Amino acid sequence: MRQYRENLEKIDFDKMMADMEDLANRYAIANNIKEEIIIVLIVYETPTNPCSERKPLQDYFNDHGVECKELDYPINNLSSIKDEPFDF
């Protein structure tokens, strides 16, 4: 995981954030979305896996002043998920 974190530090954080913000803005304009676009990182591993990239990713963003934590809604609360299909 140390090597993974070292590789994360090679990323130009400010450029990456600017690119993500630009993508979110362009997507909102193209789809006439008035609400704030929230970008979510998805790590396909259990949080209890000791080799999970979750912690280094969270630390990386948090160390750069961007709050990054486990998603609490609605994923962890299955009763809040509607039975309706998602509309893309």
PDB file of N, CA and C in Angstrom:
ATOM      1  N   MET A   1       0.806  -1.193   0.000  1.00  0.00           N
ATOM      2  CA  MET A   1       0.000   0.000   0.000  1.00  0.00           C
ATOM      3  C   MET A   1       0.856   1.267   0.000  1.00  0.00           C
ATOM      4  N   ARG A   2       2.069   1.138   0.532  1.00  0.00           N
ATOM      5  CA  ARG A   2       2.973   2.287   0.522  1.00  0.00           C
ATOM      6  C   ARG A   2       3.288   2.704  -0.907  1.00  0.00           C
ATOM      7  N   GLN A   3       3.543   1.710  -1.783  1.00  0.00           N
ATOM      8  CA  GLN A   3       3.842   2.003  -3.187  1.00  0.00           C
ATOM      9  C   GLN A   3       2.616   2.631  -3.866  1.00  0.00           C
ATOM     10  N   TYR A   4       1.437   2.165  -3.513  1.00  0.00           N
ATOM     11  CA  TYR A   4       0.206   2.725  -4.071  1.00  0.00           C
ATOM     12  C   TYR A   4       0.095   4.207  -3.700  1.00  0.00           C
ATOM     13  N   ARG A   5       0.355   4.524  -2.426  1.00  0.00           N
ATOM     14  CA  ARG A   5       0.286   5.915  -1.974  1.00  0.00           C
ATOM     15  C   ARG A   5       1.360   6.758  -2.669  1.00  0.00           C
ATOM     16  N   GLU A   6       2.552   6.213  -2.825  1.00  0.00           N
ATOM     17  CA  GLU A   6       3.605   6.948  -3.521  1.00  0.00           C
ATOM     18  C   GLU A   6       3.191   7.260  -4.963  1.00  0.00           C
ATOM     19  N   ASN A   7       2.512   6.315  -5.597  1.00  0.00           N
ATOM     20  CA  ASN A   7       2.034   6.557  -6.952  1.00  0.00           C
ATOM     21  C   ASN A   7       0.952   7.633  -6.975  1.00  0.00           C
ATOM     22  N   LEU A   8       0.085   7.656  -5.977  1.00  0.00           N
ATOM     23  CA  LEU A   8      -0.935   8.703  -5.890  1.00  0.00           C
ATOM     24  C   LEU A   8      -0.284  10.076  -5.807  1.00  0.00           C
ATOM     25  N   GLU A   9       0.810  10.179  -5.077  1.00  0.00           N
ATOM     26  CA  GLU A   9       1.487  11.470  -4.901  1.00  0.00           C
ATOM     27  C   GLU A   9       2.112  11.991  -6.191  1.00  0.00           C
ATOM     28  N   LYS A  10       2.250  11.135  -7.191  1.00  0.00           N
ATOM     29  CA  LYS A  10       2.785  11.565  -8.480  1.00  0.00           C
ATOM     30  C   LYS A  10       1.730  12.285  -9.315  1.00  0.00           C
ATOM     31  N   ILE A  11       0.476  12.189  -8.909  1.00  0.00           N
ATOM     32  CA  ILE A  11      -0.618  12.841  -9.632  1.00  0.00           C
ATOM     33  C   ILE A  11      -0.630  14.327  -9.294  1.00  0.00           C
ATOM     34  N   ASP A  12      -0.812  15.154 -10.306  1.00  0.00           N
ATOM     35  CA  ASP A  12      -0.969  16.590 -10.090  1.00  0.00           C
ATOM     36  C   ASP A  12      -2.373  16.798  -9.519  1.00  0.00           C
ATOM     37  N   PHE A  13      -2.468  16.904  -8.209  1.00  0.00           N
ATOM     38  CA  PHE A  13      -3.755  16.949  -7.513  1.00  0.00           C
ATOM     39  C   PHE A  13      -4.620  18.119  -7.984  1.00  0.00           C
ATOM     40  N   ASP A  14      -4.033  19.304  -8.081  1.00  0.00           N
ATOM     41  CA  ASP A  14      -4.810  20.478  -8.482  1.00  0.00           C
ATOM     42  C   ASP A  14      -5.371  20.325  -9.895  1.00  0.00           C
ATOM     43  N   LYS A  15      -4.583  19.768 -10.805  1.00  0.00           N
ATOM     44  CA  LYS A  15      -5.059  19.554 -12.173  1.00  0.00           C
ATOM     45  C   LYS A  15      -6.168  18.512 -12.178  1.00  0.00           C
ATOM     46  N   MET A  16      -5.989  17.430 -11.426  1.00  0.00           N
ATOM     47  CA  MET A  16      -7.008  16.383 -11.368  1.00  0.00           C
ATOM     48  C   MET A  16      -8.327  16.954 -10.853  1.00  0.00           C
ATOM     49  N   MET A  17      -8.267  17.763  -9.800  1.00  0.00           N
ATOM     50  CA  MET A  17      -9.483  18.353  -9.240  1.00  0.00           C
ATOM     51  C   MET A  17     -10.125  19.325 -10.224  1.00  0.00           C
ATOM     52  N   ALA A  18      -9.305  20.112 -10.911  1.00  0.00           N
ATOM     53  CA  ALA A  18      -9.834  21.046 -11.910  1.00  0.00           C
ATOM     54  C   ALA A  18     -10.503  20.276 -13.047  1.00  0.00           C
ATOM     55  N   ASP A  19      -9.890  19.176 -13.462  1.00  0.00           N
ATOM     56  CA  ASP A  19     -10.473  18.354 -14.523  1.00  0.00           C
ATOM     57  C   ASP A  19     -11.803  17.742 -14.084  1.00  0.00           C
ATOM     58  N   MET A  20     -11.875  17.272 -12.835  1.00  0.00           N
ATOM     59  CA  MET A  20     -13.126  16.686 -12.334  1.00  0.00           C
ATOM     60  C   MET A  20     -14.220  17.745 -12.235  1.00  0.00           C
ATOM     61  N   GLU A  21     -13.853  18.928 -11.784  1.00  0.00           N
ATOM     62  CA  GLU A  21     -14.833  20.013 -11.685  1.00  0.00           C
ATOM     63  C   GLU A  21     -15.326  20.418 -13.076  1.00  0.00           C
ATOM     64  N   ASP A  22     -14.406  20.483 -14.029  1.00  0.00           N
ATOM     65  CA  ASP A  22     -14.782  20.808 -15.399  1.00  0.00           C
ATOM     66  C   ASP A  22     -15.727  19.753 -15.965  1.00  0.00           C
ATOM     67  N   LEU A  23     -15.419  18.489 -15.740  1.00  0.00           N
ATOM     68  CA  LEU A  23     -16.282  17.396 -16.203  1.00  0.00           C
ATOM     69  C   LEU A  23     -17.674  17.514 -15.590  1.00  0.00           C
ATOM     70  N   ALA A  24     -17.739  17.750 -14.289  1.00  0.00           N
ATOM     71  CA  ALA A  24     -19.028  17.877 -13.605  1.00  0.00           C
ATOM     72  C   ALA A  24     -19.824  19.054 -14.157  1.00  0.00           C
ATOM     73  N   ASN A  25     -19.162  20.179 -14.381  1.00  0.00           N
ATOM     74  CA  ASN A  25     -19.844  21.356 -14.922  1.00  0.00           C
ATOM     75  C   ASN A  25     -20.358  21.112 -16.330  1.00  0.00           C
ATOM     76  N   ARG A  26     -19.529  20.516 -17.178  1.00  0.00           N
ATOM     77  CA  ARG A  26     -19.961  20.245 -18.549  1.00  0.00           C
ATOM     78  C   ARG A  26     -21.108  19.246 -18.580  1.00  0.00           C
ATOM     79  N   TYR A  27     -21.061  18.240 -17.706  1.00  0.00           N
ATOM     80  CA  TYR A  27     -22.139  17.246 -17.630  1.00  0.00           C
ATOM     81  C   TYR A  27     -23.440  17.912 -17.175  1.00  0.00           C
ATOM     82  N   ALA A  28     -23.351  18.779 -16.182  1.00  0.00           N
ATOM     83  CA  ALA A  28     -24.540  19.480 -15.688  1.00  0.00           C
ATOM     84  C   ALA A  28     -25.158  20.353 -16.776  1.00  0.00           C
ATOM     85  N   ILE A  29     -24.325  21.058 -17.517  1.00  0.00           N
ATOM     86  CA  ILE A  29     -24.829  21.914 -18.594  1.00  0.00           C
ATOM     87  C   ILE A  29     -25.460  21.073 -19.702  1.00  0.00           C
ATOM     88  N   ALA A  30     -24.770  20.015 -20.112  1.00  0.00           N
ATOM     89  CA  ALA A  30     -25.258  19.173 -21.204  1.00  0.00           C
ATOM     90  C   ALA A  30     -26.575  18.481 -20.858  1.00  0.00           C
ATOM     91  N   ASN A  31     -26.793  18.226 -19.561  1.00  0.00           N
ATOM     92  CA  ASN A  31     -27.992  17.500 -19.135  1.00  0.00           C
ATOM     93  C   ASN A  31     -28.978  18.377 -18.372  1.00  0.00           C
ATOM     94  N   ASN A  32     -28.747  19.700 -18.427  1.00  0.00           N
ATOM     95  CA  ASN A  32     -29.633  20.669 -17.783  1.00  0.00           C
ATOM     96  C   ASN A  32     -29.890  20.327 -16.304  1.00  0.00           C
ATOM     97  N   ILE A  33     -28.820  20.011 -15.606  1.00  0.00           N
ATOM     98  CA  ILE A  33     -28.910  19.665 -14.186  1.00  0.00           C
ATOM     99  C   ILE A  33     -28.616  20.918 -13.372  1.00  0.00           C
ATOM    100  N   LYS A  34     -29.528  21.287 -12.516  1.00  0.00           N
ATOM    101  CA  LYS A  34     -29.371  22.498 -11.701  1.00  0.00           C
ATOM    102  C   LYS A  34     -28.718  22.189 -10.344  1.00  0.00           C
ATOM    103  N   GLU A  35     -28.866  20.958  -9.870  1.00  0.00           N
ATOM    104  CA  GLU A  35     -28.302  20.581  -8.580  1.00  0.00           C
ATOM    105  C   GLU A  35     -26.780  20.419  -8.690  1.00  0.00           C
ATOM    106  N   GLU A  36     -26.132  20.485  -7.552  1.00  0.00           N
ATOM    107  CA  GLU A  36     -24.682  20.286  -7.511  1.00  0.00           C
ATOM    108  C   GLU A  36     -24.351  18.847  -7.914  1.00  0.00           C
ATOM    109  N   ILE A  37     -23.361  18.704  -8.749  1.00  0.00           N
ATOM    110  CA  ILE A  37     -22.869  17.382  -9.137  1.00  0.00           C
ATOM    111  C   ILE A  37     -21.852  16.951  -8.081  1.00  0.00           C
ATOM    112  N   ILE A  38     -22.021  15.757  -7.558  1.00  0.00           N
ATOM    113  CA  ILE A  38     -21.097  15.226  -6.557  1.00  0.00           C
ATOM    114  C   ILE A  38     -20.356  14.052  -7.185  1.00  0.00           C
ATOM    115  N   ILE A  39     -19.049  14.148  -7.197  1.00  0.00           N
ATOM    116  CA  ILE A  39     -18.233  13.070  -7.753  1.00  0.00           C
ATOM    117  C   ILE A  39     -17.930  12.069  -6.650  1.00  0.00           C
ATOM    118  N   VAL A  40     -18.134  10.799  -6.971  1.00  0.00           N
ATOM    119  CA  VAL A  40     -17.964   9.724  -5.996  1.00  0.00           C
ATOM    120  C   VAL A  40     -16.899   8.760  -6.502  1.00  0.00           C
ATOM    121  N   LEU A  41     -15.950   8.436  -5.650  1.00  0.00           N
ATOM    122  CA  LEU A  41     -14.966   7.401  -5.976  1.00  0.00           C
ATOM    123  C   LEU A  41     -15.529   6.056  -5.547  1.00  0.00           C
ATOM    124  N   ILE A  42     -15.436   5.071  -6.413  1.00  0.00           N
ATOM    125  CA  ILE A  42     -15.927   3.743  -6.072  1.00  0.00           C
ATOM    126  C   ILE A  42     -14.733   2.795  -6.041  1.00  0.00           C
ATOM    127  N   VAL A  43     -14.538   2.157  -4.898  1.00  0.00           N
ATOM    128  CA  VAL A  43     -13.489   1.152  -4.746  1.00  0.00           C
ATOM    129  C   VAL A  43     -14.193  -0.179  -4.562  1.00  0.00           C
ATOM    130  N   TYR A  44     -13.962  -1.079  -5.482  1.00  0.00           N
ATOM    131  CA  TYR A  44     -14.667  -2.360  -5.467  1.00  0.00           C
ATOM    132  C   TYR A  44     -13.917  -3.379  -4.610  1.00  0.00           C
ATOM    133  N   GLU A  45     -13.977  -3.171  -3.312  1.00  0.00           N
ATOM    134  CA  GLU A  45     -13.381  -4.084  -2.341  1.00  0.00           C
ATOM    135  C   GLU A  45     -14.084  -3.879  -1.012  1.00  0.00           C
ATOM    136  N   THR A  46     -14.029  -4.881  -0.193  1.00  0.00           N
ATOM    137  CA  THR A  46     -14.586  -4.749   1.142  1.00  0.00           C
ATOM    138  C   THR A  46     -13.682  -3.839   1.985  1.00  0.00           C
ATOM    139  N   PRO A  47     -14.269  -2.988   2.803  1.00  0.00           N
ATOM    140  CA  PRO A  47     -13.439  -2.112   3.651  1.00  0.00           C
ATOM    141  C   PRO A  47     -12.566  -2.881   4.639  1.00  0.00           C
ATOM    142  N   THR A  48     -12.897  -4.142   4.905  1.00  0.00           N
ATOM    143  CA  THR A  48     -12.114  -4.928   5.865  1.00  0.00           C
ATOM    144  C   THR A  48     -10.911  -5.612   5.217  1.00  0.00           C
ATOM    145  N   ASN A  49     -10.756  -5.496   3.904  1.00  0.00           N
ATOM    146  CA  ASN A  49      -9.608  -6.083   3.221  1.00  0.00           C
ATOM    147  C   ASN A  49      -8.369  -5.259   3.569  1.00  0.00           C
ATOM    148  N   PRO A  50      -7.362  -5.864   4.191  1.00  0.00           N
ATOM    149  CA  PRO A  50      -6.172  -5.098   4.587  1.00  0.00           C
ATOM    150  C   PRO A  50      -5.383  -4.557   3.395  1.00  0.00           C
ATOM    151  N   CYS A  51      -5.618  -5.073   2.200  1.00  0.00           N
ATOM    152  CA  CYS A  51      -4.923  -4.596   1.003  1.00  0.00           C
ATOM    153  C   CYS A  51      -5.790  -3.638   0.185  1.00  0.00           C
ATOM    154  N   SER A  52      -6.887  -3.198   0.757  1.00  0.00           N
ATOM    155  CA  SER A  52      -7.790  -2.311   0.052  1.00  0.00           C
ATOM    156  C   SER A  52      -7.144  -0.956  -0.211  1.00  0.00           C
ATOM    157  N   GLU A  53      -7.423  -0.402  -1.383  1.00  0.00           N
ATOM    158  CA  GLU A  53      -6.919   0.927  -1.724  1.00  0.00           C
ATOM    159  C   GLU A  53      -7.716   2.027  -1.038  1.00  0.00           C
ATOM    160  N   ARG A  54      -8.779   1.675  -0.345  1.00  0.00           N
ATOM    161  CA  ARG A  54      -9.646   2.666   0.292  1.00  0.00           C
ATOM    162  C   ARG A  54      -8.881   3.642   1.177  1.00  0.00           C
ATOM    163  N   LYS A  55      -8.130   3.120   2.118  1.00  0.00           N
ATOM    164  CA  LYS A  55      -7.466   3.972   3.105  1.00  0.00           C
ATOM    165  C   LYS A  55      -6.448   4.909   2.449  1.00  0.00           C
ATOM    166  N   PRO A  56      -5.558   4.410   1.569  1.00  0.00           N
ATOM    167  CA  PRO A  56      -4.643   5.343   0.918  1.00  0.00           C
ATOM    168  C   PRO A  56      -5.370   6.406   0.093  1.00  0.00           C
ATOM    169  N   LEU A  57      -6.462   6.035  -0.594  1.00  0.00           N
ATOM    170  CA  LEU A  57      -7.231   7.022  -1.361  1.00  0.00           C
ATOM    171  C   LEU A  57      -7.859   8.060  -0.440  1.00  0.00           C
ATOM    172  N   GLN A  58      -8.462   7.589   0.635  1.00  0.00           N
ATOM    173  CA  GLN A  58      -9.080   8.518   1.585  1.00  0.00           C
ATOM    174  C   GLN A  58      -8.029   9.448   2.181  1.00  0.00           C
ATOM    175  N   ASP A  59      -6.911   8.890   2.590  1.00  0.00           N
ATOM    176  CA  ASP A  59      -5.835   9.704   3.162  1.00  0.00           C
ATOM    177  C   ASP A  59      -5.317  10.719   2.145  1.00  0.00           C
ATOM    178  N   TYR A  60      -5.162  10.286   0.907  1.00  0.00           N
ATOM    179  CA  TYR A  60      -4.657  11.160  -0.158  1.00  0.00           C
ATOM    180  C   TYR A  60      -5.555  12.380  -0.328  1.00  0.00           C
ATOM    181  N   PHE A  61      -6.846  12.158  -0.463  1.00  0.00           N
ATOM    182  CA  PHE A  61      -7.767  13.285  -0.639  1.00  0.00           C
ATOM    183  C   PHE A  61      -7.850  14.129   0.636  1.00  0.00           C
ATOM    184  N   ASN A  62      -7.974  13.480   1.782  1.00  0.00           N
ATOM    185  CA  ASN A  62      -8.055  14.220   3.043  1.00  0.00           C
ATOM    186  C   ASN A  62      -6.800  15.059   3.275  1.00  0.00           C
ATOM    187  N   ASP A  63      -5.627  14.511   2.954  1.00  0.00           N
ATOM    188  CA  ASP A  63      -4.365  15.255   3.121  1.00  0.00           C
ATOM    189  C   ASP A  63      -4.290  16.469   2.200  1.00  0.00           C
ATOM    190  N   HIS A  64      -5.067  16.454   1.118  1.00  0.00           N
ATOM    191  CA  HIS A  64      -5.101  17.586   0.189  1.00  0.00           C
ATOM    192  C   HIS A  64      -6.307  18.489   0.450  1.00  0.00           C
ATOM    193  N   GLY A  65      -6.942  18.309   1.601  1.00  0.00           N
ATOM    194  CA  GLY A  65      -8.021  19.208   1.997  1.00  0.00           C
ATOM    195  C   GLY A  65      -9.389  18.889   1.424  1.00  0.00           C
ATOM    196  N   VAL A  66      -9.542  17.693   0.853  1.00  0.00           N
ATOM    197  CA  VAL A  66     -10.833  17.284   0.298  1.00  0.00           C
ATOM    198  C   VAL A  66     -11.364  16.126   1.134  1.00  0.00           C
ATOM    199  N   GLU A  67     -12.503  16.350   1.795  1.00  0.00           N
ATOM    200  CA  GLU A  67     -13.065  15.305   2.644  1.00  0.00           C
ATOM    201  C   GLU A  67     -13.391  14.070   1.807  1.00  0.00           C
ATOM    202  N   CYS A  68     -12.909  12.933   2.250  1.00  0.00           N
ATOM    203  CA  CYS A  68     -13.157  11.661   1.575  1.00  0.00           C
ATOM    204  C   CYS A  68     -13.420  10.616   2.643  1.00  0.00           C
ATOM    205  N   LYS A  69     -14.640  10.080   2.631  1.00  0.00           N
ATOM    206  CA  LYS A  69     -15.018   9.078   3.627  1.00  0.00           C
ATOM    207  C   LYS A  69     -15.934   8.058   2.980  1.00  0.00           C
ATOM    208  N   GLU A  70     -16.244   7.018   3.718  1.00  0.00           N
ATOM    209  CA  GLU A  70     -17.161   6.003   3.211  1.00  0.00           C
ATOM    210  C   GLU A  70     -18.525   6.629   2.953  1.00  0.00           C
ATOM    211  N   LEU A  71     -19.127   6.251   1.849  1.00  0.00           N
ATOM    212  CA  LEU A  71     -20.460   6.736   1.523  1.00  0.00           C
ATOM    213  C   LEU A  71     -21.458   6.161   2.522  1.00  0.00           C
ATOM    214  N   ASP A  72     -22.266   7.038   3.096  1.00  0.00           N
ATOM    215  CA  ASP A  72     -23.208   6.599   4.115  1.00  0.00           C
ATOM    216  C   ASP A  72     -24.635   6.545   3.601  1.00  0.00           C
ATOM    217  N   TYR A  73     -24.871   7.149   2.428  1.00  0.00           N
ATOM    218  CA  TYR A  73     -26.239   7.200   1.923  1.00  0.00           C
ATOM    219  C   TYR A  73     -26.249   7.032   0.431  1.00  0.00           C
ATOM    220  N   PRO A  74     -27.119   6.253  -0.127  1.00  0.00           N
ATOM    221  CA  PRO A  74     -28.027   5.300   0.503  1.00  0.00           C
ATOM    222  C   PRO A  74     -27.440   3.904   0.587  1.00  0.00           C
ATOM    223  N   ILE A  75     -26.212   3.716   0.155  1.00  0.00           N
ATOM    224  CA  ILE A  75     -25.622   2.396   0.026  1.00  0.00           C
ATOM    225  C   ILE A  75     -25.652   1.594   1.331  1.00  0.00           C
ATOM    226  N   ASN A  76     -25.254   2.197   2.445  1.00  0.00           N
ATOM    227  CA  ASN A  76     -25.188   1.462   3.703  1.00  0.00           C
ATOM    228  C   ASN A  76     -26.545   1.282   4.372  1.00  0.00           C
ATOM    229  N   ASN A  77     -27.567   1.897   3.811  1.00  0.00           N
ATOM    230  CA  ASN A  77     -28.911   1.803   4.370  1.00  0.00           C
ATOM    231  C   ASN A  77     -29.827   1.269   3.282  1.00  0.00           C
ATOM    232  N   LEU A  78     -29.859  -0.061   3.123  1.00  0.00           N
ATOM    233  CA  LEU A  78     -30.585  -0.666   2.020  1.00  0.00           C
ATOM    234  C   LEU A  78     -32.078  -0.359   2.049  1.00  0.00           C
ATOM    235  N   SER A  79     -32.635  -0.073   3.211  1.00  0.00           N
ATOM    236  CA  SER A  79     -34.059   0.228   3.274  1.00  0.00           C
ATOM    237  C   SER A  79     -34.390   1.547   2.597  1.00  0.00           C
ATOM    238  N   SER A  80     -33.376   2.385   2.370  1.00  0.00           N
ATOM    239  CA  SER A  80     -33.635   3.679   1.740  1.00  0.00           C
ATOM    240  C   SER A  80     -33.561   3.608   0.216  1.00  0.00           C
ATOM    241  N   ILE A  81     -33.130   2.457  -0.315  1.00  0.00           N
ATOM    242  CA  ILE A  81     -33.040   2.312  -1.767  1.00  0.00           C
ATOM    243  C   ILE A  81     -34.415   1.943  -2.309  1.00  0.00           C
ATOM    244  N   LYS A  82     -34.874   2.696  -3.276  1.00  0.00           N
ATOM    245  CA  LYS A  82     -36.182   2.461  -3.867  1.00  0.00           C
ATOM    246  C   LYS A  82     -36.148   1.218  -4.750  1.00  0.00           C
ATOM    247  N   ASP A  83     -37.303   0.602  -4.935  1.00  0.00           N
ATOM    248  CA  ASP A  83     -37.418  -0.554  -5.806  1.00  0.00           C
ATOM    249  C   ASP A  83     -37.514  -0.169  -7.274  1.00  0.00           C
ATOM    250  N   GLU A  84     -37.455   1.119  -7.555  1.00  0.00           N
ATOM    251  CA  GLU A  84     -37.572   1.599  -8.926  1.00  0.00           C
ATOM    252  C   GLU A  84     -36.205   1.552  -9.598  1.00  0.00           C
ATOM    253  N   PRO A  85     -36.175   1.290 -10.920  1.00  0.00           N
ATOM    254  CA  PRO A  85     -34.876   1.294 -11.626  1.00  0.00           C
ATOM    255  C   PRO A  85     -34.337   2.719 -11.705  1.00  0.00           C
ATOM    256  N   PHE A  86     -33.023   2.816 -11.820  1.00  0.00           N
ATOM    257  CA  PHE A  86     -32.391   4.113 -11.985  1.00  0.00           C
ATOM    258  C   PHE A  86     -32.694   4.644 -13.375  1.00  0.00           C
ATOM    259  N   ASP A  87     -32.889   5.943 -13.486  1.00  0.00           N
ATOM    260  CA  ASP A  87     -33.165   6.577 -14.759  1.00  0.00           C
ATOM    261  C   ASP A  87     -31.938   7.352 -15.200  1.00  0.00           C
ATOM    262  N   PHE A  88     -31.237   6.825 -16.194  1.00  0.00           N
ATOM    263  CA  PHE A  88     -30.051   7.507 -16.693  1.00  0.00           C
ATOM    264  C   PHE A  88     -30.468   8.352 -17.837  1.00  0.00           C
TER     265      PHE A  88
END
